[in-house]
Amino acid sequence: MENYGTILLVEDDASLAQWVAEYLTNQGYQTFCCPRGDLAVEEVKKLNPDIVLLDVMLPGQDGISVCRSLRQFYHKPILMMTAKDEEMDEVIGLEVGASDYIIKPVRPRALLARIKSSMRPAAENEPLKSNNKTIAIGGLIIDTEARKVLLKGEEINISTSEYLLLSFLASNAGEVLSRDAVFKATKGREYDGLDRSVDVLISALRKKFNDDPQNPEKIKTIWGKGYLFVPSAW
């Protein structure tokens, strides 16, 4: 069987870890399991997997802390698994560097789709269509070569997922972008009707750019249509 890559699954639920590992192995992935958060960092250093599937609730060290530690040296995808409706976990996970997340209970096809999307080469998910090295809108400057974001001269600490979303919205400033368009551009897949990751990232961006979540002016949600980056608000 063809090997599509190596996966490290960090999950303390033995039965869940077993069926996920068996399913992914049958799909052509070499899969390793780690049952504790405090062992995960060393396992990643040893295996250097192509992707890490990381549960939030773990013994020894929680998944958020593990993700933060991994991002000091590991630059491949991290897909977090979180309990249903735990939006704060999603927000924090994305802020500390998770590439994406999936809600438990895990659905096999949904998990496989997220893995395939996360493991695509970064160039395939690059949202910018222009060769320009800088997007400048008001006080916002996005350096697309260095992947840095500045607001009024101050550099904003931003994750890869946040950068991809912000740069896509900014490169289409003034245009209402549908959820499908945003998902295809930033995640390389269609919106499945359930995924809230873009909403979570929008909330994180609003927080970082002091955009009132109750009455946003910079990044608006147009109900039933999508998202609007408002150039005049920057």
Protein backbone atom coordinates (compact mmCIF):
# COMPACT_ATOMS: atom_id res chain seq x y z
CA MET A 1 0.00 0.00 0.00
CA GLU A 2 1.20 3.49 -0.84
CA ASN A 3 2.37 5.55 2.14
CA TYR A 4 0.75 9.00 2.13
CA GLY A 5 2.64 10.24 5.17
CA THR A 6 3.34 9.77 8.86
CA ILE A 7 0.83 10.76 11.55
CA LEU A 8 1.30 11.06 15.30
CA LEU A 9 -2.00 10.74 17.18
CA VAL A 10 -1.86 12.15 20.72
CA GLU A 11 -4.97 10.76 22.39
CA ASP A 12 -5.53 9.21 25.84
CA ASP A 13 -8.77 7.42 24.96
CA ALA A 14 -7.37 4.00 24.06
CA SER A 15 -10.42 2.75 22.12
CA LEU A 16 -10.67 5.98 20.10
CA ALA A 17 -6.93 5.98 19.41
CA GLN A 18 -7.09 2.37 18.24
CA TRP A 19 -9.87 2.80 15.70
CA VAL A 20 -8.49 6.10 14.41
CA ALA A 21 -5.04 4.53 13.98
CA GLU A 22 -6.51 1.49 12.22
CA TYR A 23 -8.65 3.66 9.93
CA LEU A 24 -5.76 5.95 8.97
CA THR A 25 -3.44 2.97 8.45
CA ASN A 26 -6.02 1.46 6.07
CA GLN A 27 -6.09 4.81 4.23
CA GLY A 28 -2.36 4.60 3.62
CA TYR A 29 -0.89 6.62 6.51
CA GLN A 30 1.79 5.34 8.88
CA THR A 31 0.23 6.10 12.25
CA PHE A 32 1.80 6.24 15.71
CA CYS A 33 -0.02 6.83 19.00
CA CYS A 34 0.97 8.72 22.14
CA PRO A 35 -1.34 8.55 25.22
CA ARG A 36 0.02 11.52 27.22
CA GLY A 37 0.60 15.19 26.63
CA ASP A 38 3.85 15.28 28.57
CA LEU A 39 5.32 12.65 26.22
CA ALA A 40 4.14 14.24 22.99
CA VAL A 41 6.95 16.73 22.40
CA GLU A 42 9.65 14.07 22.61
CA GLU A 43 7.65 11.78 20.32
CA VAL A 44 7.40 14.55 17.72
CA LYS A 45 11.15 15.17 17.95
CA LYS A 46 11.81 11.46 17.49
CA LEU A 47 9.33 10.75 14.69
CA ASN A 48 9.12 14.13 12.90
CA PRO A 49 5.64 13.21 11.59
CA ASP A 50 3.99 14.89 8.62
CA ILE A 51 1.04 15.88 10.81
CA VAL A 52 0.12 15.75 14.51
CA LEU A 53 -3.43 14.94 15.62
CA LEU A 54 -3.64 16.45 19.08
CA ASP A 55 -6.43 16.05 21.61
CA VAL A 56 -7.11 19.04 23.88
CA MET A 57 -7.79 17.10 27.09
CA LEU A 58 -4.73 14.98 27.91
CA PRO A 59 -3.06 13.64 31.06
CA GLY A 60 0.32 15.10 31.98
CA GLN A 61 -0.01 18.22 29.84
CA ASP A 62 -3.03 19.62 28.02
CA GLY A 63 -3.13 19.87 24.24
CA ILE A 64 -3.01 23.67 24.19
CA SER A 65 0.28 23.67 26.09
CA VAL A 66 1.64 20.89 23.89
CA CYS A 67 0.74 22.83 20.75
CA ARG A 68 2.46 25.94 22.08
CA SER A 69 5.61 23.92 22.87
CA LEU A 70 5.60 22.20 19.48
CA ARG A 71 5.38 25.47 17.59
CA GLN A 72 8.80 26.45 18.93
CA PHE A 73 10.39 23.95 16.53
CA TYR A 74 7.71 22.01 14.60
CA HIS A 75 6.32 23.76 11.52
CA LYS A 76 4.17 21.05 9.98
CA PRO A 77 0.38 20.81 10.44
CA ILE A 78 -1.18 20.32 13.87
CA LEU A 79 -4.83 19.26 13.81
CA MET A 80 -6.50 19.65 17.20
CA MET A 81 -9.42 17.53 18.38
CA THR A 82 -11.80 19.23 20.76
CA ALA A 83 -15.09 18.37 22.48
CA LYS A 84 -18.27 19.62 20.88
CA ASP A 85 -19.11 23.30 21.51
CA GLU A 86 -15.84 24.02 23.35
CA GLU A 87 -15.31 27.20 21.34
CA MET A 88 -12.73 28.61 23.76
CA ASP A 89 -10.52 25.59 23.10
CA GLU A 90 -10.85 26.26 19.38
CA VAL A 91 -9.93 29.92 19.78
CA ILE A 92 -6.91 29.25 21.99
CA GLY A 93 -5.78 26.33 19.85
CA LEU A 94 -5.77 28.42 16.70
CA GLU A 95 -4.06 31.29 18.50
CA VAL A 96 -1.17 29.09 19.69
CA GLY A 97 -0.59 27.67 16.22
CA ALA A 98 -2.99 24.84 15.45
CA SER A 99 -3.51 24.50 11.70
CA ASP A 100 -7.11 23.38 12.04
CA TYR A 101 -9.38 21.52 14.42
CA ILE A 102 -12.05 18.85 14.35
CA ILE A 103 -14.97 18.39 16.71
CA LYS A 104 -15.50 15.16 18.62
CA PRO A 105 -17.09 12.69 18.14
CA VAL A 106 -14.71 12.21 15.24
CA ARG A 107 -16.27 11.25 11.89
CA PRO A 108 -13.84 9.21 9.79
CA ARG A 109 -14.43 10.91 6.43
CA ALA A 110 -14.35 14.38 7.98
CA LEU A 111 -11.09 13.55 9.75
CA LEU A 112 -9.53 12.24 6.53
CA ALA A 113 -10.62 15.36 4.63
CA ARG A 114 -9.04 17.62 7.28
CA ILE A 115 -5.82 15.63 7.20
CA LYS A 116 -5.57 15.80 3.40
CA SER A 117 -6.33 19.52 3.42
CA SER A 118 -3.81 20.29 6.18
CA MET A 119 -1.07 18.30 4.48
CA ARG A 120 -1.35 20.06 1.13
CA PRO A 121 1.74 22.06 0.21
CA ALA A 122 1.46 25.60 1.58
CA ALA A 123 1.64 27.04 -1.94
CA GLU A 124 -1.64 25.34 -2.85
CA ASN A 125 -3.42 27.15 -0.03
CA GLU A 126 -1.81 30.54 -0.68
CA PRO A 127 -4.71 32.99 -1.05
CA LEU A 128 -2.91 35.89 -2.70
CA LYS A 129 -3.34 36.27 -6.43
CA SER A 130 -1.03 39.24 -6.81
CA ASN A 131 2.73 39.35 -7.21
CA ASN A 132 2.86 42.47 -5.05
CA LYS A 133 5.00 42.06 -1.96
CA THR A 134 2.87 44.35 0.20
CA ILE A 135 -0.82 44.95 0.82
CA ALA A 136 -1.32 48.40 2.35
CA ILE A 137 -4.80 49.48 3.45
CA GLY A 138 -5.00 52.48 5.76
CA GLY A 139 -2.81 51.73 8.76
CA LEU A 140 -2.61 48.02 7.92
CA ILE A 141 0.43 46.64 6.11
CA ILE A 142 0.73 42.98 5.14
CA ASP A 143 4.22 42.01 4.00
CA THR A 144 3.46 38.96 1.87
CA GLU A 145 7.10 38.07 1.37
CA ALA A 146 8.06 38.04 5.07
CA ARG A 147 4.53 37.13 6.15
CA LYS A 148 4.44 39.97 8.67
CA VAL A 149 1.46 42.10 9.62
CA LEU A 150 1.75 45.64 10.97
CA LEU A 151 -0.95 48.00 12.18
CA LYS A 152 0.10 51.64 12.47
CA GLY A 153 3.73 50.58 12.54
CA GLU A 154 3.31 47.95 15.26
CA GLU A 155 3.85 44.30 14.35
CA ILE A 156 0.91 42.07 15.19
CA ASN A 157 1.61 38.54 16.40
CA ILE A 158 -0.43 36.36 14.09
CA SER A 159 -0.70 32.63 13.46
CA THR A 160 -0.42 31.04 10.01
CA SER A 161 -4.16 30.37 9.87
CA GLU A 162 -4.95 33.95 10.85
CA TYR A 163 -2.46 35.27 8.30
CA LEU A 164 -3.99 33.25 5.46
CA LEU A 165 -7.49 34.47 6.31
CA LEU A 166 -6.51 38.11 6.85
CA SER A 167 -4.47 38.34 3.65
CA PHE A 168 -7.24 36.74 1.60
CA LEU A 169 -9.84 39.14 3.01
CA ALA A 170 -7.54 42.15 2.57
CA SER A 171 -6.62 41.21 -1.00
CA ASN A 172 -10.36 41.26 -1.74
CA ALA A 173 -11.16 44.38 0.32
CA GLY A 174 -14.61 45.80 -0.24
CA GLU A 175 -15.97 42.55 -1.67
CA VAL A 176 -18.36 40.26 0.20
CA LEU A 177 -16.75 36.82 0.22
CA SER A 178 -18.87 33.70 0.72
CA ARG A 179 -17.99 31.02 3.24
CA ASP A 180 -17.28 28.62 0.39
CA ALA A 181 -14.84 31.07 -1.20
CA VAL A 182 -13.05 31.64 2.10
CA PHE A 183 -12.78 27.93 2.88
CA LYS A 184 -11.49 27.05 -0.58
CA ALA A 185 -8.90 29.84 -0.51
CA THR A 186 -7.60 29.38 3.03
CA LYS A 187 -8.18 25.68 3.74
CA GLY A 188 -8.28 24.10 0.30
CA ARG A 189 -11.69 22.51 0.85
CA GLU A 190 -15.37 23.34 0.62
CA TYR A 191 -17.44 24.48 3.58
CA ASP A 192 -19.23 21.45 5.04
CA GLY A 193 -22.03 23.37 6.72
CA LEU A 194 -20.75 22.63 10.25
CA ASP A 195 -17.18 23.86 10.47
CA ARG A 196 -16.84 27.01 12.61
CA SER A 197 -13.08 27.47 12.24
CA VAL A 198 -13.38 30.56 10.04
CA ASP A 199 -15.77 32.16 12.54
CA VAL A 200 -13.27 31.37 15.31
CA LEU A 201 -10.45 32.95 13.30
CA ILE A 202 -12.57 36.00 12.50
CA SER A 203 -13.20 36.44 16.23
CA ALA A 204 -9.47 36.12 16.95
CA LEU A 205 -8.60 38.70 14.28
CA ARG A 206 -11.19 41.13 15.61
CA LYS A 207 -9.68 40.78 19.06
CA LYS A 208 -6.15 41.41 17.80
CA PHE A 209 -7.19 44.46 15.78
CA ASN A 210 -9.51 45.94 18.44
CA ASP A 211 -12.61 45.45 16.30
CA ASP A 212 -15.72 45.46 18.52
CA PRO A 213 -17.18 41.91 18.23
CA GLN A 214 -20.69 43.22 18.91
CA ASN A 215 -20.46 45.92 16.26
CA PRO A 216 -17.42 45.19 14.06
CA GLU A 217 -16.26 47.86 11.66
CA LYS A 218 -13.09 46.34 10.16
CA ILE A 219 -14.22 42.79 9.38
CA LYS A 220 -17.96 42.42 9.06
CA THR A 221 -20.09 39.30 8.91
CA ILE A 222 -22.82 39.77 6.31
CA TRP A 223 -25.47 37.33 7.41
CA GLY A 224 -26.47 34.87 4.73
CA LYS A 225 -23.73 36.09 2.38
CA GLY A 226 -20.29 35.91 3.97
CA TYR A 227 -17.56 38.27 5.15
CA LEU A 228 -16.53 41.81 4.25
CA PHE A 229 -13.16 43.47 4.83
CA VAL A 230 -13.97 47.20 5.09
CA PRO A 231 -10.98 49.20 3.74
CA SER A 232 -12.14 52.57 5.09
CA ALA A 233 -12.13 51.24 8.70
CA TRP A 234 -8.38 50.63 8.77
